[in-house]
Each structure stands twice: as C-alpha cells, then as structure tokens.
Amino acid sequence: MASISHVHFVCIPETYAAGADVQCSFVITEHLEIHSRDWVGLYKVGWRSSSDYFYYEWSPVPSNYVPGTEVANRVVFPGNLTVIIQRM
C-alpha cells in the first residue's frame, strides 16, 4: 500500500537550545484542503497514537492560501515546554 504525505515538514533541526521557541515550518500540498481547525502537535518519545500529543498549536490558514495550490506555513511552539520530543 502506497502512502503519500500531503504535509512536508522542512528545516526542522535535530535539537533546540533549552528555552528556545520551536519553529515548525511545513509545506501543504495542493492535494490537501486547509481548515481553520488544523493543528500541529508535539509528541513525547515513544508515542503510539495521534491522540498522545503533549502539546499542540492551531495552524493558521495562510492569507495567501488558494485552494488547490501548494502553500508554506508555520507554527511556533513556546520555548518553556520541558519535554523530549521525537521527530517523525
């Protein structure tokens, strides 16, 4: 079974300085429709389900968004979160 990702995370560092905000940049392909209730979550190492998120931020609908087109977006997580997260 083929799997196609419609969200591509870009420029995600391996580590962040303690206390630094975590900027999460991503590109949403033209195959996915953006909604105002979309969110990006942080997960602790060892997570097993999409509901196991530690923290999340709502993903804003970009002002330049046109349905059916690719668009870049980002969310920023506050640097005061004290947890080890896992890149997917």
PDB file of N, CA and C in Angstrom:
ATOM      1  N   MET A   1       0.838  -1.169   0.000  1.00  0.00           N
ATOM      2  CA  MET A   1       0.000   0.000   0.000  1.00  0.00           C
ATOM      3  C   MET A   1       0.893   1.246   0.000  1.00  0.00           C
ATOM      4  N   ALA A   2       0.677   2.141  -0.924  1.00  0.00           N
ATOM      5  CA  ALA A   2       1.471   3.364  -1.031  1.00  0.00           C
ATOM      6  C   ALA A   2       0.948   4.407  -0.046  1.00  0.00           C
ATOM      7  N   SER A   3       1.857   5.196   0.458  1.00  0.00           N
ATOM      8  CA  SER A   3       1.490   6.267   1.374  1.00  0.00           C
ATOM      9  C   SER A   3       2.018   7.580   0.824  1.00  0.00           C
ATOM     10  N   ILE A   4       1.152   8.564   0.717  1.00  0.00           N
ATOM     11  CA  ILE A   4       1.548   9.867   0.194  1.00  0.00           C
ATOM     12  C   ILE A   4       1.305  10.893   1.281  1.00  0.00           C
ATOM     13  N   SER A   5       2.336  11.658   1.602  1.00  0.00           N
ATOM     14  CA  SER A   5       2.204  12.699   2.612  1.00  0.00           C
ATOM     15  C   SER A   5       1.792  13.996   1.929  1.00  0.00           C
ATOM     16  N   HIS A   6       0.799  14.651   2.486  1.00  0.00           N
ATOM     17  CA  HIS A   6       0.333  15.909   1.925  1.00  0.00           C
ATOM     18  C   HIS A   6       0.858  17.102   2.715  1.00  0.00           C
ATOM     19  N   VAL A   7       1.604  16.830   3.777  1.00  0.00           N
ATOM     20  CA  VAL A   7       2.263  17.877   4.555  1.00  0.00           C
ATOM     21  C   VAL A   7       3.726  17.486   4.661  1.00  0.00           C
ATOM     22  N   HIS A   8       4.607  18.388   4.260  1.00  0.00           N
ATOM     23  CA  HIS A   8       6.051  18.132   4.297  1.00  0.00           C
ATOM     24  C   HIS A   8       6.696  19.134   5.257  1.00  0.00           C
ATOM     25  N   PHE A   9       7.280  18.622   6.335  1.00  0.00           N
ATOM     26  CA  PHE A   9       7.963  19.476   7.293  1.00  0.00           C
ATOM     27  C   PHE A   9       9.356  19.781   6.772  1.00  0.00           C
ATOM     28  N   VAL A  10       9.764  21.036   6.885  1.00  0.00           N
ATOM     29  CA  VAL A  10      11.037  21.490   6.312  1.00  0.00           C
ATOM     30  C   VAL A  10      11.870  22.219   7.355  1.00  0.00           C
ATOM     31  N   CYS A  11      13.182  22.109   7.214  1.00  0.00           N
ATOM     32  CA  CYS A  11      14.145  22.842   8.057  1.00  0.00           C
ATOM     33  C   CYS A  11      13.905  22.610   9.549  1.00  0.00           C
ATOM     34  N   ILE A  12      13.690  21.360   9.927  1.00  0.00           N
ATOM     35  CA  ILE A  12      13.484  21.026  11.337  1.00  0.00           C
ATOM     36  C   ILE A  12      14.833  20.580  11.909  1.00  0.00           C
ATOM     37  N   PRO A  13      15.407  21.367  12.843  1.00  0.00           N
ATOM     38  CA  PRO A  13      16.698  20.992  13.421  1.00  0.00           C
ATOM     39  C   PRO A  13      16.612  19.714  14.256  1.00  0.00           C
ATOM     40  N   GLU A  14      17.740  19.071  14.442  1.00  0.00           N
ATOM     41  CA  GLU A  14      17.810  17.881  15.299  1.00  0.00           C
ATOM     42  C   GLU A  14      17.609  18.242  16.767  1.00  0.00           C
ATOM     43  N   THR A  15      18.099  19.412  17.174  1.00  0.00           N
ATOM     44  CA  THR A  15      17.988  19.839  18.570  1.00  0.00           C
ATOM     45  C   THR A  15      17.674  21.335  18.632  1.00  0.00           C
ATOM     46  N   TYR A  16      17.206  21.767  19.792  1.00  0.00           N
ATOM     47  CA  TYR A  16      16.939  23.178  20.058  1.00  0.00           C
ATOM     48  C   TYR A  16      17.595  23.542  21.384  1.00  0.00           C
ATOM     49  N   ALA A  17      17.992  24.794  21.519  1.00  0.00           N
ATOM     50  CA  ALA A  17      18.555  25.271  22.780  1.00  0.00           C
ATOM     51  C   ALA A  17      17.458  25.280  23.839  1.00  0.00           C
ATOM     52  N   ALA A  18      17.823  24.963  25.071  1.00  0.00           N
ATOM     53  CA  ALA A  18      16.862  24.970  26.170  1.00  0.00           C
ATOM     54  C   ALA A  18      16.207  26.342  26.272  1.00  0.00           C
ATOM     55  N   GLY A  19      14.898  26.373  26.363  1.00  0.00           N
ATOM     56  CA  GLY A  19      14.169  27.623  26.496  1.00  0.00           C
ATOM     57  C   GLY A  19      13.878  28.341  25.194  1.00  0.00           C
ATOM     58  N   ALA A  20      14.420  27.841  24.083  1.00  0.00           N
ATOM     59  CA  ALA A  20      14.203  28.487  22.787  1.00  0.00           C
ATOM     60  C   ALA A  20      12.859  28.072  22.212  1.00  0.00           C
ATOM     61  N   ASP A  21      12.182  29.012  21.559  1.00  0.00           N
ATOM     62  CA  ASP A  21      10.954  28.664  20.862  1.00  0.00           C
ATOM     63  C   ASP A  21      11.271  27.669  19.755  1.00  0.00           C
ATOM     64  N   VAL A  22      10.300  26.828  19.428  1.00  0.00           N
ATOM     65  CA  VAL A  22      10.461  25.810  18.396  1.00  0.00           C
ATOM     66  C   VAL A  22       9.597  26.210  17.204  1.00  0.00           C
ATOM     67  N   GLN A  23      10.265  26.633  16.132  1.00  0.00           N
ATOM     68  CA  GLN A  23       9.544  26.992  14.911  1.00  0.00           C
ATOM     69  C   GLN A  23       9.389  25.749  14.056  1.00  0.00           C
ATOM     70  N   CYS A  24       8.184  25.462  13.662  1.00  0.00           N
ATOM     71  CA  CYS A  24       7.879  24.291  12.860  1.00  0.00           C
ATOM     72  C   CYS A  24       7.344  24.763  11.512  1.00  0.00           C
ATOM     73  N   SER A  25       8.176  24.650  10.473  1.00  0.00           N
ATOM     74  CA  SER A  25       7.792  25.086   9.132  1.00  0.00           C
ATOM     75  C   SER A  25       7.386  23.883   8.300  1.00  0.00           C
ATOM     76  N   PHE A  26       6.388  24.076   7.452  1.00  0.00           N
ATOM     77  CA  PHE A  26       5.906  22.971   6.634  1.00  0.00           C
ATOM     78  C   PHE A  26       5.258  23.490   5.360  1.00  0.00           C
ATOM     79  N   VAL A  27       5.154  22.597   4.389  1.00  0.00           N
ATOM     80  CA  VAL A  27       4.500  22.894   3.117  1.00  0.00           C
ATOM     81  C   VAL A  27       3.300  21.966   2.997  1.00  0.00           C
ATOM     82  N   ILE A  28       2.170  22.533   2.662  1.00  0.00           N
ATOM     83  CA  ILE A  28       0.941  21.759   2.455  1.00  0.00           C
ATOM     84  C   ILE A  28       0.739  21.646   0.953  1.00  0.00           C
ATOM     85  N   THR A  29       0.627  20.409   0.463  1.00  0.00           N
ATOM     86  CA  THR A  29       0.495  20.216  -0.978  1.00  0.00           C
ATOM     87  C   THR A  29      -0.891  20.622  -1.464  1.00  0.00           C
ATOM     88  N   GLU A  30      -0.994  20.711  -2.761  1.00  0.00           N
ATOM     89  CA  GLU A  30      -2.262  21.097  -3.382  1.00  0.00           C
ATOM     90  C   GLU A  30      -3.354  20.043  -3.212  1.00  0.00           C
ATOM     91  N   HIS A  31      -2.983  18.855  -2.750  1.00  0.00           N
ATOM     92  CA  HIS A  31      -3.943  17.755  -2.589  1.00  0.00           C
ATOM     93  C   HIS A  31      -4.703  17.790  -1.266  1.00  0.00           C
ATOM     94  N   LEU A  32      -4.348  18.727  -0.389  1.00  0.00           N
ATOM     95  CA  LEU A  32      -4.967  18.793   0.937  1.00  0.00           C
ATOM     96  C   LEU A  32      -5.668  20.136   1.089  1.00  0.00           C
ATOM     97  N   GLU A  33      -6.902  20.119   1.521  1.00  0.00           N
ATOM     98  CA  GLU A  33      -7.628  21.351   1.761  1.00  0.00           C
ATOM     99  C   GLU A  33      -7.371  21.809   3.192  1.00  0.00           C
ATOM    100  N   ILE A  34      -7.018  23.058   3.351  1.00  0.00           N
ATOM    101  CA  ILE A  34      -6.700  23.613   4.670  1.00  0.00           C
ATOM    102  C   ILE A  34      -7.990  24.044   5.367  1.00  0.00           C
ATOM    103  N   HIS A  35      -8.041  23.791   6.692  1.00  0.00           N
ATOM    104  CA  HIS A  35      -9.192  24.179   7.505  1.00  0.00           C
ATOM    105  C   HIS A  35      -8.719  24.968   8.718  1.00  0.00           C
ATOM    106  N   SER A  36      -9.564  25.799   9.246  1.00  0.00           N
ATOM    107  CA  SER A  36      -9.202  26.626  10.403  1.00  0.00           C
ATOM    108  C   SER A  36      -9.014  25.801  11.674  1.00  0.00           C
ATOM    109  N   ARG A  37      -9.437  24.533  11.689  1.00  0.00           N
ATOM    110  CA  ARG A  37      -9.281  23.681  12.872  1.00  0.00           C
ATOM    111  C   ARG A  37      -8.086  22.722  12.744  1.00  0.00           C
ATOM    112  N   ASP A  38      -7.202  22.948  11.773  1.00  0.00           N
ATOM    113  CA  ASP A  38      -5.994  22.137  11.630  1.00  0.00           C
ATOM    114  C   ASP A  38      -5.001  22.514  12.722  1.00  0.00           C
ATOM    115  N   TRP A  39      -4.216  21.534  13.179  1.00  0.00           N
ATOM    116  CA  TRP A  39      -3.239  21.791  14.226  1.00  0.00           C
ATOM    117  C   TRP A  39      -1.998  20.946  14.001  1.00  0.00           C
ATOM    118  N   VAL A  40      -0.918  21.359  14.667  1.00  0.00           N
ATOM    119  CA  VAL A  40       0.350  20.627  14.637  1.00  0.00           C
ATOM    120  C   VAL A  40       0.677  20.267  16.079  1.00  0.00           C
ATOM    121  N   GLY A  41       1.008  19.000  16.314  1.00  0.00           N
ATOM    122  CA  GLY A  41       1.249  18.547  17.675  1.00  0.00           C
ATOM    123  C   GLY A  41       2.686  18.161  17.935  1.00  0.00           C
ATOM    124  N   LEU A  42       3.083  18.277  19.190  1.00  0.00           N
ATOM    125  CA  LEU A  42       4.363  17.755  19.669  1.00  0.00           C
ATOM    126  C   LEU A  42       4.068  16.464  20.420  1.00  0.00           C
ATOM    127  N   TYR A  43       4.905  15.471  20.176  1.00  0.00           N
ATOM    128  CA  TYR A  43       4.714  14.156  20.788  1.00  0.00           C
ATOM    129  C   TYR A  43       5.944  13.763  21.583  1.00  0.00           C
ATOM    130  N   LYS A  44       5.739  13.156  22.741  1.00  0.00           N
ATOM    131  CA  LYS A  44       6.841  12.640  23.539  1.00  0.00           C
ATOM    132  C   LYS A  44       7.432  11.420  22.842  1.00  0.00           C
ATOM    133  N   VAL A  45       8.715  11.178  23.102  1.00  0.00           N
ATOM    134  CA  VAL A  45       9.369   9.985  22.573  1.00  0.00           C
ATOM    135  C   VAL A  45       8.569   8.759  23.005  1.00  0.00           C
ATOM    136  N   GLY A  46       8.303   7.866  22.051  1.00  0.00           N
ATOM    137  CA  GLY A  46       7.586   6.639  22.343  1.00  0.00           C
ATOM    138  C   GLY A  46       6.082   6.724  22.147  1.00  0.00           C
ATOM    139  N   TRP A  47       5.577   7.804  21.593  1.00  0.00           N
ATOM    140  CA  TRP A  47       4.129   7.941  21.392  1.00  0.00           C
ATOM    141  C   TRP A  47       3.599   6.809  20.525  1.00  0.00           C
ATOM    142  N   ARG A  48       2.333   6.468  20.708  1.00  0.00           N
ATOM    143  CA  ARG A  48       1.728   5.343  19.993  1.00  0.00           C
ATOM    144  C   ARG A  48       0.478   5.716  19.204  1.00  0.00           C
ATOM    145  N   SER A  49      -0.133   6.836  19.503  1.00  0.00           N
ATOM    146  CA  SER A  49      -1.382   7.218  18.858  1.00  0.00           C
ATOM    147  C   SER A  49      -1.375   8.717  18.594  1.00  0.00           C
ATOM    148  N   SER A  50      -2.094   9.148  17.574  1.00  0.00           N
ATOM    149  CA  SER A  50      -2.150  10.581  17.280  1.00  0.00           C
ATOM    150  C   SER A  50      -2.782  11.367  18.430  1.00  0.00           C
ATOM    151  N   SER A  51      -3.499  10.706  19.305  1.00  0.00           N
ATOM    152  CA  SER A  51      -4.084  11.391  20.458  1.00  0.00           C
ATOM    153  C   SER A  51      -3.110  11.501  21.632  1.00  0.00           C
ATOM    154  N   ASP A  52      -1.887  10.988  21.478  1.00  0.00           N
ATOM    155  CA  ASP A  52      -0.873  11.029  22.539  1.00  0.00           C
ATOM    156  C   ASP A  52      -0.046  12.314  22.520  1.00  0.00           C
ATOM    157  N   TYR A  53      -0.542  13.364  21.898  1.00  0.00           N
ATOM    158  CA  TYR A  53       0.249  14.598  21.805  1.00  0.00           C
ATOM    159  C   TYR A  53       0.484  15.195  23.191  1.00  0.00           C
ATOM    160  N   PHE A  54       1.627  15.855  23.330  1.00  0.00           N
ATOM    161  CA  PHE A  54       1.972  16.532  24.573  1.00  0.00           C
ATOM    162  C   PHE A  54       1.456  17.975  24.543  1.00  0.00           C
ATOM    163  N   TYR A  55       1.542  18.589  23.367  1.00  0.00           N
ATOM    164  CA  TYR A  55       1.175  19.997  23.210  1.00  0.00           C
ATOM    165  C   TYR A  55       0.825  20.217  21.749  1.00  0.00           C
ATOM    166  N   TYR A  56      -0.047  21.162  21.467  1.00  0.00           N
ATOM    167  CA  TYR A  56      -0.348  21.473  20.074  1.00  0.00           C
ATOM    168  C   TYR A  56      -0.571  22.973  19.899  1.00  0.00           C
ATOM    169  N   GLU A  57      -0.436  23.419  18.673  1.00  0.00           N
ATOM    170  CA  GLU A  57      -0.737  24.789  18.273  1.00  0.00           C
ATOM    171  C   GLU A  57      -1.667  24.721  17.071  1.00  0.00           C
ATOM    172  N   TRP A  58      -2.653  25.605  17.029  1.00  0.00           N
ATOM    173  CA  TRP A  58      -3.511  25.687  15.860  1.00  0.00           C
ATOM    174  C   TRP A  58      -2.688  26.176  14.681  1.00  0.00           C
ATOM    175  N   SER A  59      -2.949  25.638  13.523  1.00  0.00           N
ATOM    176  CA  SER A  59      -2.249  26.016  12.302  1.00  0.00           C
ATOM    177  C   SER A  59      -3.068  27.088  11.592  1.00  0.00           C
ATOM    178  N   PRO A  60      -2.539  28.307  11.517  1.00  0.00           N
ATOM    179  CA  PRO A  60      -3.332  29.365  10.884  1.00  0.00           C
ATOM    180  C   PRO A  60      -3.502  29.116   9.384  1.00  0.00           C
ATOM    181  N   VAL A  61      -4.625  29.549   8.846  1.00  0.00           N
ATOM    182  CA  VAL A  61      -4.826  29.485   7.398  1.00  0.00           C
ATOM    183  C   VAL A  61      -4.035  30.654   6.804  1.00  0.00           C
ATOM    184  N   PRO A  62      -3.045  30.363   5.943  1.00  0.00           N
ATOM    185  CA  PRO A  62      -2.235  31.452   5.376  1.00  0.00           C
ATOM    186  C   PRO A  62      -3.085  32.438   4.578  1.00  0.00           C
ATOM    187  N   SER A  63      -2.750  33.710   4.682  1.00  0.00           N
ATOM    188  CA  SER A  63      -3.524  34.740   3.976  1.00  0.00           C
ATOM    189  C   SER A  63      -3.441  34.585   2.462  1.00  0.00           C
ATOM    190  N   ASN A  64      -2.371  33.953   1.969  1.00  0.00           N
ATOM    191  CA  ASN A  64      -2.205  33.770   0.523  1.00  0.00           C
ATOM    192  C   ASN A  64      -2.719  32.414   0.034  1.00  0.00           C
ATOM    193  N   TYR A  65      -3.462  31.715   0.881  1.00  0.00           N
ATOM    194  CA  TYR A  65      -3.933  30.372   0.517  1.00  0.00           C
ATOM    195  C   TYR A  65      -5.010  30.418  -0.559  1.00  0.00           C
ATOM    196  N   VAL A  66      -4.805  29.636  -1.608  1.00  0.00           N
ATOM    197  CA  VAL A  66      -5.785  29.432  -2.672  1.00  0.00           C
ATOM    198  C   VAL A  66      -6.011  27.922  -2.752  1.00  0.00           C
ATOM    199  N   PRO A  67      -7.246  27.459  -2.518  1.00  0.00           N
ATOM    200  CA  PRO A  67      -7.499  26.012  -2.585  1.00  0.00           C
ATOM    201  C   PRO A  67      -6.987  25.415  -3.893  1.00  0.00           C
ATOM    202  N   GLY A  68      -6.377  24.226  -3.783  1.00  0.00           N
ATOM    203  CA  GLY A  68      -5.832  23.550  -4.953  1.00  0.00           C
ATOM    204  C   GLY A  68      -4.412  23.948  -5.296  1.00  0.00           C
ATOM    205  N   THR A  69      -3.772  24.751  -4.413  1.00  0.00           N
ATOM    206  CA  THR A  69      -2.384  25.143  -4.636  1.00  0.00           C
ATOM    207  C   THR A  69      -1.538  24.769  -3.419  1.00  0.00           C
ATOM    208  N   GLU A  70      -0.241  24.623  -3.641  1.00  0.00           N
ATOM    209  CA  GLU A  70       0.698  24.341  -2.553  1.00  0.00           C
ATOM    210  C   GLU A  70       0.966  25.633  -1.795  1.00  0.00           C
ATOM    211  N   VAL A  71       1.103  25.547  -0.463  1.00  0.00           N
ATOM    212  CA  VAL A  71       1.343  26.741   0.339  1.00  0.00           C
ATOM    213  C   VAL A  71       2.254  26.398   1.516  1.00  0.00           C
ATOM    214  N   ALA A  72       3.131  27.335   1.871  1.00  0.00           N
ATOM    215  CA  ALA A  72       4.012  27.183   3.034  1.00  0.00           C
ATOM    216  C   ALA A  72       3.310  27.757   4.265  1.00  0.00           C
ATOM    217  N   ASN A  73       3.623  27.178   5.417  1.00  0.00           N
ATOM    218  CA  ASN A  73       3.013  27.635   6.664  1.00  0.00           C
ATOM    219  C   ASN A  73       3.973  27.340   7.809  1.00  0.00           C
ATOM    220  N   ARG A  74       3.659  27.820   9.003  1.00  0.00           N
ATOM    221  CA  ARG A  74       4.482  27.521  10.175  1.00  0.00           C
ATOM    222  C   ARG A  74       3.694  27.764  11.439  1.00  0.00           C
ATOM    223  N   VAL A  75       4.114  27.099  12.490  1.00  0.00           N
ATOM    224  CA  VAL A  75       3.628  27.366  13.838  1.00  0.00           C
ATOM    225  C   VAL A  75       4.858  27.493  14.728  1.00  0.00           C
ATOM    226  N   VAL A  76       4.704  28.184  15.833  1.00  0.00           N
ATOM    227  CA  VAL A  76       5.803  28.349  16.787  1.00  0.00           C
ATOM    228  C   VAL A  76       5.331  27.842  18.140  1.00  0.00           C
ATOM    229  N   PHE A  77       6.083  26.878  18.674  1.00  0.00           N
ATOM    230  CA  PHE A  77       5.796  26.339  19.996  1.00  0.00           C
ATOM    231  C   PHE A  77       6.615  27.120  21.018  1.00  0.00           C
ATOM    232  N   PRO A  78       6.043  27.433  22.184  1.00  0.00           N
ATOM    233  CA  PRO A  78       6.782  28.199  23.188  1.00  0.00           C
ATOM    234  C   PRO A  78       7.974  27.427  23.745  1.00  0.00           C
ATOM    235  N   GLY A  79       9.039  28.146  24.020  1.00  0.00           N
ATOM    236  CA  GLY A  79      10.274  27.535  24.490  1.00  0.00           C
ATOM    237  C   GLY A  79      10.244  27.067  25.924  1.00  0.00           C
ATOM    238  N   ASN A  80       9.177  27.334  26.651  1.00  0.00           N
ATOM    239  CA  ASN A  80       9.135  26.930  28.054  1.00  0.00           C
ATOM    240  C   ASN A  80       8.589  25.523  28.255  1.00  0.00           C
ATOM    241  N   LEU A  81       8.394  24.768  27.179  1.00  0.00           N
ATOM    242  CA  LEU A  81       7.938  23.386  27.304  1.00  0.00           C
ATOM    243  C   LEU A  81       9.118  22.515  27.721  1.00  0.00           C
ATOM    244  N   THR A  82       8.940  21.694  28.724  1.00  0.00           N
ATOM    245  CA  THR A  82      10.029  20.856  29.208  1.00  0.00           C
ATOM    246  C   THR A  82       9.701  19.393  28.936  1.00  0.00           C
ATOM    247  N   VAL A  83      10.021  18.936  27.748  1.00  0.00           N
ATOM    248  CA  VAL A  83       9.757  17.562  27.360  1.00  0.00           C
ATOM    249  C   VAL A  83      10.703  17.210  26.233  1.00  0.00           C
ATOM    250  N   ILE A  84      11.040  15.952  26.122  1.00  0.00           N
ATOM    251  CA  ILE A  84      11.845  15.480  24.996  1.00  0.00           C
ATOM    252  C   ILE A  84      10.884  15.042  23.908  1.00  0.00           C
ATOM    253  N   ILE A  85      11.025  15.650  22.728  1.00  0.00           N
ATOM    254  CA  ILE A  85      10.115  15.329  21.643  1.00  0.00           C
ATOM    255  C   ILE A  85      10.827  14.487  20.593  1.00  0.00           C
ATOM    256  N   GLN A  86      10.060  13.861  19.749  1.00  0.00           N
ATOM    257  CA  GLN A  86      10.576  12.957  18.743  1.00  0.00           C
ATOM    258  C   GLN A  86      10.187  13.448  17.356  1.00  0.00           C
ATOM    259  N   ARG A  87      11.174  13.583  16.469  1.00  0.00           N
ATOM    260  CA  ARG A  87      10.876  13.924  15.085  1.00  0.00           C
ATOM    261  C   ARG A  87      10.298  12.717  14.393  1.00  0.00           C
ATOM    262  N   MET A  88       9.357  12.946  13.511  1.00  0.00           N
ATOM    263  CA  MET A  88       8.747  11.849  12.754  1.00  0.00           C
ATOM    264  C   MET A  88       9.386  11.768  11.382  1.00  0.00           C
TER     265      MET A  88
END
